[in-house]
């Protein structure tokens, strides 16, 4: 019996403790904050220091764009 061995090409990542992440954010001197999360029961949580929905959307879109760029760079490095 033989098995095909596949090379793992993903980038391993470790999850961070939310408390540690929030403490780090408190020390970052942020001017505006948008927080999205999910509790242990799967309930979504959202809060923002910014009242304007357009600005909140802008921050979320920029965060998604930066995340996609990071993933693209990681994929390019693997090639």
N, C-alpha and C. Protein backbone atom coordinates (compact mmCIF):
# COMPACT_ATOMS: atom_id res chain seq x y z
N UNK A 1 0.86 -1.17 0.00
CA UNK A 1 0.00 0.00 0.00
C UNK A 1 0.90 1.24 0.00
N UNK A 2 0.59 2.19 -0.86
CA UNK A 2 1.35 3.44 -0.88
C UNK A 2 0.39 4.61 -0.87
N UNK A 3 0.89 5.74 -0.40
CA UNK A 3 0.07 6.94 -0.33
C UNK A 3 0.82 8.06 -1.03
N UNK A 4 0.07 8.96 -1.64
CA UNK A 4 0.67 10.12 -2.26
C UNK A 4 0.94 11.16 -1.18
N UNK A 5 2.16 11.66 -1.14
CA UNK A 5 2.52 12.68 -0.16
C UNK A 5 2.43 14.03 -0.84
N UNK A 6 1.66 14.93 -0.26
CA UNK A 6 1.48 16.26 -0.81
C UNK A 6 2.24 17.26 0.04
N UNK A 7 2.90 18.20 -0.62
CA UNK A 7 3.62 19.24 0.09
C UNK A 7 2.64 20.29 0.59
N UNK A 8 2.74 20.64 1.85
CA UNK A 8 1.90 21.69 2.42
C UNK A 8 2.48 23.04 2.00
N UNK A 9 1.67 23.84 1.28
CA UNK A 9 2.16 25.12 0.79
C UNK A 9 1.55 26.31 1.53
N UNK A 10 0.69 26.05 2.50
CA UNK A 10 0.07 27.14 3.24
C UNK A 10 1.02 27.73 4.27
N UNK A 11 0.69 28.90 4.73
CA UNK A 11 1.50 29.54 5.76
C UNK A 11 0.86 29.26 7.11
N UNK A 12 1.52 28.53 7.99
CA UNK A 12 0.92 28.25 9.29
C UNK A 12 0.76 29.53 10.09
N UNK A 13 -0.34 29.65 10.74
CA UNK A 13 -0.65 30.83 11.56
C UNK A 13 -1.22 30.35 12.88
N UNK A 14 -0.87 31.02 13.93
CA UNK A 14 -1.44 30.71 15.23
C UNK A 14 -2.46 31.78 15.59
N UNK A 15 -3.59 31.35 16.11
CA UNK A 15 -4.59 32.30 16.58
C UNK A 15 -4.06 33.02 17.81
N UNK A 16 -4.49 34.25 17.99
CA UNK A 16 -4.11 35.03 19.16
C UNK A 16 -5.27 35.11 20.14
N UNK A 17 -4.94 35.19 21.40
CA UNK A 17 -5.95 35.39 22.43
C UNK A 17 -6.55 36.79 22.26
N UNK A 18 -7.89 36.92 22.18
CA UNK A 18 -8.51 38.23 22.00
C UNK A 18 -8.07 39.26 23.04
N UNK A 19 -7.91 38.86 24.30
CA UNK A 19 -7.49 39.80 25.33
C UNK A 19 -6.11 40.38 25.01
N UNK A 20 -5.22 39.52 24.56
CA UNK A 20 -3.87 39.98 24.21
C UNK A 20 -3.91 40.94 23.03
N UNK A 21 -4.73 40.63 22.06
CA UNK A 21 -4.87 41.49 20.88
C UNK A 21 -5.45 42.85 21.26
N UNK A 22 -6.46 42.86 22.10
CA UNK A 22 -7.07 44.12 22.53
C UNK A 22 -6.10 44.97 23.35
N UNK A 23 -5.30 44.32 24.19
CA UNK A 23 -4.30 45.05 24.97
C UNK A 23 -3.28 45.70 24.04
N UNK A 24 -2.88 44.97 23.02
CA UNK A 24 -1.93 45.50 22.04
C UNK A 24 -2.53 46.70 21.31
N UNK A 25 -3.80 46.60 20.95
CA UNK A 25 -4.48 47.70 20.25
C UNK A 25 -4.57 48.94 21.14
N UNK A 26 -4.79 48.74 22.45
CA UNK A 26 -4.88 49.87 23.37
C UNK A 26 -3.57 50.65 23.42
N UNK A 27 -2.46 49.96 23.24
CA UNK A 27 -1.15 50.60 23.30
C UNK A 27 -0.71 51.19 21.96
N UNK A 28 -1.53 51.02 20.91
CA UNK A 28 -1.14 51.47 19.57
C UNK A 28 -1.45 52.94 19.31
N UNK A 29 -2.17 53.61 20.21
CA UNK A 29 -2.50 55.01 20.03
C UNK A 29 -3.45 55.26 18.87
N UNK A 30 -4.40 54.39 18.69
CA UNK A 30 -5.34 54.50 17.57
C UNK A 30 -6.29 55.68 17.74
N UNK A 31 -6.62 56.33 16.63
CA UNK A 31 -7.56 57.46 16.66
C UNK A 31 -8.99 56.99 16.44
N UNK A 32 -9.16 55.92 15.68
CA UNK A 32 -10.49 55.35 15.40
C UNK A 32 -10.37 53.84 15.42
N UNK A 33 -11.44 53.18 15.88
CA UNK A 33 -11.42 51.73 16.04
C UNK A 33 -12.72 51.12 15.57
N UNK A 34 -12.61 50.01 14.85
CA UNK A 34 -13.76 49.19 14.45
C UNK A 34 -13.45 47.78 14.93
N UNK A 35 -14.36 47.19 15.69
CA UNK A 35 -14.14 45.85 16.25
C UNK A 35 -15.23 44.92 15.74
N UNK A 36 -14.81 43.79 15.18
CA UNK A 36 -15.73 42.73 14.75
C UNK A 36 -15.28 41.45 15.43
N UNK A 37 -16.21 40.68 15.90
CA UNK A 37 -15.84 39.43 16.54
C UNK A 37 -16.99 38.46 16.63
N UNK A 38 -16.68 37.28 17.12
CA UNK A 38 -17.67 36.22 17.31
C UNK A 38 -17.41 35.60 18.67
N UNK A 39 -18.46 35.44 19.47
CA UNK A 39 -18.27 34.83 20.79
C UNK A 39 -18.28 33.30 20.67
N UNK A 40 -18.11 32.63 21.79
CA UNK A 40 -18.02 31.18 21.79
C UNK A 40 -19.30 30.49 21.33
N UNK A 41 -20.42 31.22 21.34
CA UNK A 41 -21.69 30.66 20.88
C UNK A 41 -21.98 30.98 19.42
N UNK A 42 -21.05 31.68 18.77
CA UNK A 42 -21.24 32.04 17.36
C UNK A 42 -21.98 33.35 17.16
N UNK A 43 -22.26 34.07 18.23
CA UNK A 43 -22.94 35.36 18.12
C UNK A 43 -21.95 36.44 17.67
N UNK A 44 -22.34 37.20 16.69
CA UNK A 44 -21.47 38.25 16.17
C UNK A 44 -21.50 39.48 17.06
N UNK A 45 -20.36 40.14 17.15
CA UNK A 45 -20.22 41.38 17.91
C UNK A 45 -19.62 42.42 16.99
N UNK A 46 -20.15 43.63 17.04
CA UNK A 46 -19.62 44.73 16.26
C UNK A 46 -19.73 46.00 17.07
N UNK A 47 -18.66 46.79 17.03
CA UNK A 47 -18.66 48.08 17.69
C UNK A 47 -17.68 48.99 16.97
N UNK A 48 -17.95 50.29 17.01
CA UNK A 48 -17.08 51.24 16.35
C UNK A 48 -17.02 52.53 17.15
N UNK A 49 -15.85 53.13 17.18
CA UNK A 49 -15.72 54.43 17.81
C UNK A 49 -16.17 55.54 16.87
N UNK A 50 -16.42 55.19 15.62
CA UNK A 50 -16.82 56.15 14.58
C UNK A 50 -18.31 56.01 14.33
N UNK A 51 -19.03 57.11 14.33
CA UNK A 51 -20.48 57.07 14.13
C UNK A 51 -20.86 56.97 12.64
N UNK A 52 -20.04 57.54 11.76
CA UNK A 52 -20.37 57.61 10.33
C UNK A 52 -20.18 56.24 9.67
N UNK A 53 -21.26 55.67 9.14
CA UNK A 53 -21.21 54.34 8.53
C UNK A 53 -20.28 54.30 7.32
N UNK A 54 -20.19 55.38 6.58
CA UNK A 54 -19.29 55.41 5.43
C UNK A 54 -17.84 55.28 5.84
N UNK A 55 -17.46 55.95 6.91
CA UNK A 55 -16.10 55.86 7.43
C UNK A 55 -15.82 54.46 7.96
N UNK A 56 -16.79 53.88 8.66
CA UNK A 56 -16.64 52.52 9.17
C UNK A 56 -16.44 51.56 7.99
N UNK A 57 -17.27 51.69 6.97
CA UNK A 57 -17.13 50.85 5.78
C UNK A 57 -15.76 51.01 5.13
N UNK A 58 -15.28 52.25 5.07
CA UNK A 58 -13.96 52.53 4.50
C UNK A 58 -12.88 51.78 5.29
N UNK A 59 -12.94 51.85 6.62
CA UNK A 59 -11.95 51.15 7.44
C UNK A 59 -12.01 49.64 7.20
N UNK A 60 -13.23 49.09 7.13
CA UNK A 60 -13.37 47.65 6.90
C UNK A 60 -12.85 47.26 5.51
N UNK A 61 -13.19 48.05 4.49
CA UNK A 61 -12.71 47.75 3.13
C UNK A 61 -11.19 47.84 3.04
N UNK A 62 -10.61 48.86 3.68
CA UNK A 62 -9.15 48.99 3.67
C UNK A 62 -8.50 47.80 4.38
N UNK A 63 -9.09 47.36 5.48
CA UNK A 63 -8.54 46.21 6.21
C UNK A 63 -8.60 44.96 5.33
N UNK A 64 -9.73 44.75 4.62
CA UNK A 64 -9.84 43.60 3.72
C UNK A 64 -8.82 43.70 2.60
N UNK A 65 -8.64 44.88 2.03
CA UNK A 65 -7.70 45.08 0.94
C UNK A 65 -6.27 44.76 1.41
N UNK A 66 -5.91 45.25 2.60
CA UNK A 66 -4.58 44.96 3.13
C UNK A 66 -4.39 43.47 3.41
N UNK A 67 -5.42 42.81 3.90
CA UNK A 67 -5.36 41.37 4.14
C UNK A 67 -5.12 40.63 2.83
N UNK A 68 -5.85 41.00 1.78
CA UNK A 68 -5.67 40.34 0.48
C UNK A 68 -4.27 40.57 -0.06
N UNK A 69 -3.71 41.77 0.13
CA UNK A 69 -2.35 42.07 -0.32
C UNK A 69 -1.34 41.20 0.42
N UNK A 70 -1.54 41.02 1.72
CA UNK A 70 -0.63 40.18 2.50
C UNK A 70 -0.67 38.74 2.00
N UNK A 71 -1.86 38.23 1.74
CA UNK A 71 -2.00 36.86 1.24
C UNK A 71 -1.35 36.74 -0.14
N UNK A 72 -1.57 37.73 -1.00
CA UNK A 72 -0.94 37.72 -2.33
C UNK A 72 0.58 37.67 -2.20
N UNK A 73 1.16 38.47 -1.31
CA UNK A 73 2.61 38.48 -1.11
C UNK A 73 3.10 37.14 -0.62
N UNK A 74 2.36 36.52 0.30
CA UNK A 74 2.75 35.21 0.81
C UNK A 74 2.73 34.19 -0.31
N UNK A 75 1.72 34.26 -1.17
CA UNK A 75 1.63 33.32 -2.28
C UNK A 75 2.77 33.54 -3.27
N UNK A 76 3.12 34.80 -3.52
CA UNK A 76 4.24 35.10 -4.43
C UNK A 76 5.55 34.56 -3.87
N UNK A 77 5.73 34.68 -2.56
CA UNK A 77 6.96 34.19 -1.92
C UNK A 77 7.08 32.67 -2.02
N UNK A 78 5.93 31.97 -2.07
CA UNK A 78 5.93 30.51 -2.16
C UNK A 78 6.27 30.03 -3.56
N UNK A 79 6.17 30.90 -4.56
CA UNK A 79 6.41 30.48 -5.94
C UNK A 79 7.87 30.37 -6.25
